Protein backbone atom coordinates (compact mmCIF):
# COMPACT_ATOMS: atom_id res chain seq x y z
CA MET A 1 -13.60 2.88 -12.09
CA LEU A 2 -9.57 2.31 -13.06
CA ARG A 3 -7.80 0.46 -11.06
CA VAL A 4 -3.56 -0.44 -10.72
CA ILE A 5 -2.57 -3.51 -9.57
CA GLY A 6 1.24 -3.51 -8.98
CA LEU A 7 3.65 -6.16 -6.80
CA SER A 8 7.10 -6.09 -5.38
CA ARG A 9 10.09 -7.63 -5.55
CA ILE A 10 13.87 -8.98 -4.82
CA HIS A 11 15.79 -7.73 -5.27
CA ILE A 12 19.46 -10.25 -5.76
CA THR A 13 22.58 -7.81 -6.49
CA LEU A 14 23.90 -4.67 -7.82
CA PHE A 15 26.34 -5.90 -10.05
CA ASP A 16 29.65 -3.49 -9.68
CA LEU A 17 30.12 0.06 -8.17
CA GLU A 18 33.14 0.37 -9.58
CA GLY A 19 32.93 1.42 -12.38
CA LYS A 20 35.95 1.28 -14.05
CA HIS A 21 34.79 -0.64 -17.66
CA GLY A 22 32.70 2.60 -18.13
CA ARG A 23 29.29 1.20 -16.06
CA ILE A 24 28.14 1.45 -12.92
CA ASP A 25 25.61 -0.28 -10.93
CA GLY A 26 23.43 -3.15 -12.65
CA GLY A 27 21.52 -5.96 -11.05
CA MET A 28 19.22 -8.25 -11.24
CA GLY A 29 15.62 -9.50 -9.01
CA VAL A 30 12.54 -11.24 -9.62
CA ALA A 31 8.94 -9.76 -9.52
CA LEU A 32 6.09 -10.59 -7.33
CA GLU A 33 2.74 -11.54 -6.39
CA ARG A 34 2.68 -11.11 -2.93
CA PRO A 35 2.64 -8.43 -1.20
CA ARG A 36 1.44 -5.96 -3.92
CA VAL A 37 0.49 -2.06 -4.50
CA VAL A 38 -2.92 -1.67 -5.74
CA VAL A 39 -4.59 2.11 -6.32
CA SER A 40 -7.89 2.56 -7.66
CA SER A 41 -9.59 6.05 -8.93
CA GLU A 42 -12.01 6.15 -5.71
CA PRO A 43 -11.27 9.64 -4.63
CA CYS A 44 -10.92 8.53 -0.60
CA GLN A 45 -7.96 10.90 0.15
CA THR A 46 -5.15 13.03 -1.33
CA VAL A 47 -1.99 11.85 -2.57
CA SER A 48 0.96 13.85 -2.72
CA VAL A 49 3.77 13.08 -5.08
CA VAL A 50 7.28 14.48 -6.16
CA GLY A 51 6.24 15.06 -10.68
CA LEU A 52 3.33 14.47 -10.36
CA PRO A 53 0.04 16.78 -9.32
CA PRO A 54 -1.77 16.32 -6.19
CA SER A 55 -4.42 13.81 -6.84
CA LYS A 56 -7.55 12.01 -5.13
CA ILE A 57 -7.44 8.35 -5.39
CA CYS A 58 -7.65 5.19 -2.64
CA ILE A 59 -4.71 3.44 -1.66
CA LYS A 60 -6.56 -0.42 -1.67
CA GLU A 61 -3.56 -2.24 -0.71
CA ASP A 62 0.22 -1.47 0.04
CA TYR A 63 2.43 -3.46 2.46
CA GLU A 64 5.32 -1.93 4.61
CA GLU A 65 8.33 0.32 3.31
CA HIS A 66 12.31 -0.27 3.95
CA VAL A 67 12.05 -3.71 4.32
CA GLY A 68 14.07 -4.65 0.89
CA LEU A 69 10.43 -5.75 -1.30
CA GLY A 70 10.59 -2.37 -2.96
CA HIS A 71 8.25 -0.45 -1.77
CA THR A 72 8.97 3.46 -2.64
CA THR A 73 9.46 1.85 -6.46
CA GLN A 74 6.31 0.30 -6.75
CA TYR A 75 4.13 2.35 -4.97
CA LEU A 76 5.17 5.66 -7.02
CA LEU A 77 4.93 3.56 -9.93
CA SER A 78 1.97 2.56 -9.13
CA VAL A 79 0.08 5.68 -8.60
CA ALA A 80 2.12 7.54 -11.68
CA LYS A 81 0.76 4.54 -13.94
CA LEU A 82 -3.30 5.63 -12.48
CA ILE A 83 -2.50 9.07 -12.45
CA SER A 84 -1.35 8.69 -16.51
CA GLU A 85 -3.89 5.99 -17.01
CA LEU A 86 -6.64 8.51 -15.98
CA ASN A 87 -5.18 11.10 -18.47
CA LEU A 88 -5.24 8.73 -21.06
CA GLU A 89 -1.79 8.33 -20.86
CA LYS A 90 -0.07 5.32 -22.63
CA LYS A 91 3.83 6.26 -20.63
CA SER A 92 6.08 2.85 -19.94
CA ALA A 93 7.53 2.26 -16.49
CA THR A 94 10.93 4.24 -17.77
CA GLU A 95 8.46 7.51 -18.40
CA LEU A 96 6.87 6.84 -15.44
CA ALA A 97 10.18 6.41 -13.36
CA LYS A 98 11.60 9.48 -15.04
CA MET A 99 8.78 11.58 -13.41
CA VAL A 100 8.85 10.14 -10.18
CA LYS A 101 12.48 10.13 -9.79
CA ARG A 102 13.18 6.32 -9.42
CA GLY A 103 15.89 3.86 -10.75
CA GLY A 104 18.94 5.88 -10.55
CA THR A 105 20.61 2.90 -8.94
CA SER A 106 19.28 -0.37 -9.99
CA GLY A 107 16.06 -0.62 -12.69
CA VAL A 108 15.62 -4.00 -11.28
CA GLY A 109 11.46 -2.15 -9.67
CA VAL A 110 11.77 -0.19 -12.96
CA HIS A 111 11.80 -2.85 -15.04
CA ALA A 112 9.89 -5.85 -13.32
CA PHE A 113 7.20 -3.34 -13.05
CA GLU A 114 6.08 -2.87 -16.44
CA ARG A 115 6.91 -7.12 -17.56
CA GLY A 116 7.50 -8.70 -13.79
CA GLY A 117 9.24 -12.52 -14.14
CA PHE A 118 13.56 -12.49 -13.55
CA VAL A 119 14.78 -8.80 -14.99
CA VAL A 120 18.78 -7.99 -16.23
CA ASP A 121 19.17 -4.41 -16.36
CA GLY A 122 22.69 -3.12 -17.13
CA GLY A 123 23.73 -0.48 -15.12
CA HIS A 124 24.27 3.56 -16.24
CA SER A 125 26.79 5.03 -17.79
CA THR A 126 30.01 6.35 -16.05
CA LYS A 127 28.84 9.73 -18.89
CA VAL A 128 25.63 9.95 -16.88
CA LYS A 129 26.78 8.58 -13.45
CA SER A 130 29.97 8.45 -11.99
CA SER A 131 30.32 7.60 -8.47
CA PRO A 132 27.62 5.24 -6.74
CA LEU A 133 24.59 6.53 -5.10
CA PRO A 134 21.00 4.76 -3.96
CA SER A 135 18.21 5.57 -5.72
CA ASP A 136 16.31 8.89 -3.20
CA TYR A 137 20.26 10.84 -4.11
CA SER A 138 20.42 9.23 -7.28
CA SER A 139 19.08 11.77 -10.19
CA SER A 140 20.19 9.54 -13.23
CA PRO A 141 17.48 7.87 -15.46
CA PRO A 142 16.12 4.43 -14.93
CA PRO A 143 18.98 2.16 -16.85
CA PRO A 144 18.37 -0.49 -20.11
CA LEU A 145 17.11 -4.04 -19.59
CA LEU A 146 19.26 -6.67 -21.30
CA LEU A 147 17.59 -9.74 -20.31
CA ARG A 148 14.17 -10.90 -19.11
CA TYR A 149 12.61 -14.68 -18.47
CA ASP A 150 9.93 -15.75 -16.86
CA PHE A 151 10.57 -17.15 -13.32
CA PRO A 152 9.53 -20.78 -13.18
CA TRP A 153 9.27 -21.28 -9.03
CA TYR A 154 7.80 -20.37 -6.28
CA VAL A 155 9.13 -17.66 -3.57
CA TYR A 156 9.37 -18.12 0.16
CA VAL A 157 9.99 -14.50 1.77
CA ASN A 158 10.19 -13.79 5.77
CA ILE A 159 10.62 -10.50 7.17
CA PRO A 160 12.76 -11.11 10.89
CA GLU A 161 13.65 -8.46 13.59
CA GLY A 162 16.43 -6.81 11.44
CA LYS A 163 17.87 -3.48 10.68
CA ARG A 164 15.98 -1.49 8.10
CA ILE A 165 18.61 0.24 6.47
CA PHE A 166 18.04 3.98 4.33
CA GLY A 167 18.51 6.90 3.93
CA THR A 168 21.94 8.47 5.74
CA ASN A 169 23.22 4.75 6.66
CA GLU A 170 22.52 2.99 3.10
CA LEU A 171 24.25 6.48 1.72
CA ASN A 172 26.37 6.11 4.30
CA ALA A 173 26.61 2.09 3.12
CA PHE A 174 27.93 3.05 -0.56
CA LYS A 175 30.87 4.86 0.39
CA LEU A 176 32.28 1.59 1.56
CA PRO A 177 34.74 -0.60 -0.15
CA VAL A 178 33.70 -3.38 -2.12
CA THR A 179 35.16 -6.27 -2.57
CA GLY A 180 34.93 -9.00 -4.76
CA ALA A 181 33.06 -7.76 -7.79
CA ASP A 182 35.09 -9.42 -10.40
CA GLU A 183 34.11 -13.07 -8.65
CA LEU A 184 30.16 -12.14 -8.38
CA SER A 185 30.47 -11.23 -12.00
CA ARG A 186 31.06 -14.72 -12.97
CA VAL A 187 29.02 -15.95 -9.99
CA THR A 188 25.64 -14.28 -12.24
CA LEU A 189 26.79 -14.77 -15.07
CA MET A 190 28.15 -17.93 -15.42
CA GLU A 191 26.23 -19.62 -12.80
CA PHE A 192 22.65 -17.67 -11.37
CA ILE A 193 21.31 -16.37 -14.91
CA PRO A 194 22.09 -19.42 -17.21
CA SER A 195 20.94 -22.09 -14.39
CA VAL A 196 17.62 -19.47 -14.46
CA ALA A 197 17.18 -20.12 -18.02
CA GLU A 198 17.83 -23.56 -17.84
CA ARG A 199 15.67 -24.08 -15.03
CA ASP A 200 17.85 -25.28 -13.15
CA ILE A 201 16.84 -24.59 -9.33
CA SER A 202 19.46 -26.18 -7.72
CA GLY A 203 22.16 -24.27 -9.48
CA VAL A 204 20.59 -20.86 -9.18
CA LEU A 205 20.31 -21.52 -5.28
CA ASP A 206 24.21 -22.36 -5.37
CA ALA A 207 24.78 -19.33 -7.14
CA LEU A 208 22.65 -17.41 -4.86
CA TRP A 209 24.46 -18.69 -1.66
CA LYS A 210 27.43 -17.60 -3.23
CA ILE A 211 26.39 -14.25 -4.26
CA GLN A 212 25.78 -13.49 -0.16
CA GLY A 213 29.79 -13.53 0.83
CA LEU A 214 30.68 -10.57 -2.91
CA GLY A 215 30.39 -7.69 -3.88
CA PHE A 216 28.31 -5.02 -2.56
CA LYS A 217 25.69 -8.22 -0.85
CA LYS A 218 28.80 -9.20 1.02
CA ILE A 219 28.36 -5.53 2.33
CA GLU A 220 24.38 -5.38 2.20
CA VAL A 221 24.20 -8.41 5.06
CA GLU A 222 27.24 -7.33 6.97
CA LEU A 223 24.77 -4.68 7.98
CA GLN A 224 22.47 -6.78 9.28
CA SER A 225 21.81 -7.66 12.38
CA GLU A 226 23.03 -11.30 13.67
CA ASN A 227 19.14 -12.27 13.66
CA VAL A 228 18.73 -12.15 10.78
CA LYS A 229 22.11 -13.27 9.46
CA ASN A 230 21.20 -16.59 12.13
CA PHE A 231 17.95 -17.07 10.74
CA MET A 232 19.65 -16.83 6.60
CA LYS A 233 21.94 -19.58 7.96
CA ASN A 234 19.33 -21.43 9.64
CA LEU A 235 17.02 -22.23 5.66
CA TYR A 236 20.98 -22.56 4.73
CA VAL A 237 20.83 -25.57 7.13
CA LYS A 238 17.82 -26.83 6.12
CA GLY A 239 18.69 -27.19 2.57
CA PHE A 240 17.40 -23.93 1.32
CA PRO A 241 20.20 -21.74 1.09
CA PRO A 242 18.84 -18.04 1.06
CA GLY A 243 19.61 -14.31 -0.58
CA LEU A 244 19.29 -11.52 1.33
CA SER A 245 16.98 -8.80 -0.99
CA SER A 246 18.59 -5.70 -0.68
CA PHE A 247 19.31 -4.05 2.11
CA GLY A 248 16.80 -6.22 3.91
CA PRO A 249 15.75 -7.13 6.47
CA ALA A 250 13.49 -9.35 3.72
CA VAL A 251 15.43 -12.93 3.66
CA TYR A 252 13.94 -15.18 0.62
CA THR A 253 14.92 -18.48 -1.08
CA PHE A 254 13.24 -20.19 -3.89
CA VAL A 255 11.33 -24.08 -3.90
CA PRO A 256 9.93 -25.56 -6.60
CA THR A 257 6.03 -26.24 -5.10
CA LYS A 258 3.96 -24.29 -3.10
CA ARG A 259 3.93 -27.21 -0.92
CA GLU A 260 7.69 -26.93 0.31
CA GLY A 261 6.90 -23.27 0.51
CA GLU A 262 3.84 -24.06 3.17
CA GLU A 263 6.75 -25.74 5.10
CA LEU A 264 9.41 -23.12 5.76
CA VAL A 265 5.85 -20.75 6.44
CA SER A 266 5.03 -23.68 8.73
CA ARG A 267 8.32 -23.57 10.64
CA PHE A 268 9.97 -20.52 10.21
CA GLY A 269 6.59 -17.78 10.23
CA GLY A 270 6.89 -15.84 6.41
CA TRP A 271 4.50 -16.64 3.16
CA VAL A 272 5.34 -18.32 -0.33
CA THR A 273 4.35 -16.52 -3.19
CA ARG A 274 4.31 -16.81 -7.26
CA PRO A 275 6.73 -14.85 -8.74
CA ASN A 276 4.92 -11.72 -11.07
CA ASN A 277 5.38 -12.60 -14.73
CA VAL A 278 3.25 -10.12 -16.50
CA GLY A 279 3.67 -7.29 -14.29
CA ALA A 280 1.56 -4.40 -13.29
CA ARG A 281 -2.28 -4.70 -15.03
CA VAL A 282 -4.52 -1.41 -15.11
CA GLU A 283 -8.03 -2.38 -15.16
CA TRP A 284 -11.11 -1.01 -15.84
CA SER A 285 -15.24 -1.09 -14.37
């Protein structure tokens, strides 16, 4: 039997939806151990995926879609990886993503699947993609990986009651005017990314909170429910600056120890997980 053990991811922010400097999108995020997608070669159900032949496989573990944890990309890549391995084909995550039409906006989910950890992608050349579109509406190939680090901290995640933004609502959000992209670039390049490299959690959390009010992330936060926004404020007041993952409603923050994460769980619910620093795994048995 063959198993593919996948993952989930948090998406911290997109960088630039204007494209006035020759590239569009770009983003960063972190791969998570939990929740995850696990698929096996046991023939318990027929799964049909665009770009792949219908196959009899088994979905052993799965998680909710449209909550900001990258389910669609991780599910499709996991199924594509399983079918590829069964056919004795060693395809990269980028090759698989092209087959199943993912990575047309952010490359975080694709590169997280391949390598895990904290990843930053360089967006799309405007020669390839001329206007901002969500992945469901973009046929662009996955963007290049710029850097990847092992992520050193635990991740606390909570999905409070909020909006699930996808489809035409997501498409319309990409048409809204974006402000603060220049400041966002400085915060990510000169604070967030170096703080990850130096394992400075206070710098990362300071930058994370600033990011919530800048660029496209500001729009994503503004579109969420008051319940989600109030939850984020409560975490901040308690000393844990949070972020909204993609459009949410998933909210997260970083903690140096599992115990601190468990204290947040006991107070607010949710869960604490390790980062996934290896990417998806293939196991034969």
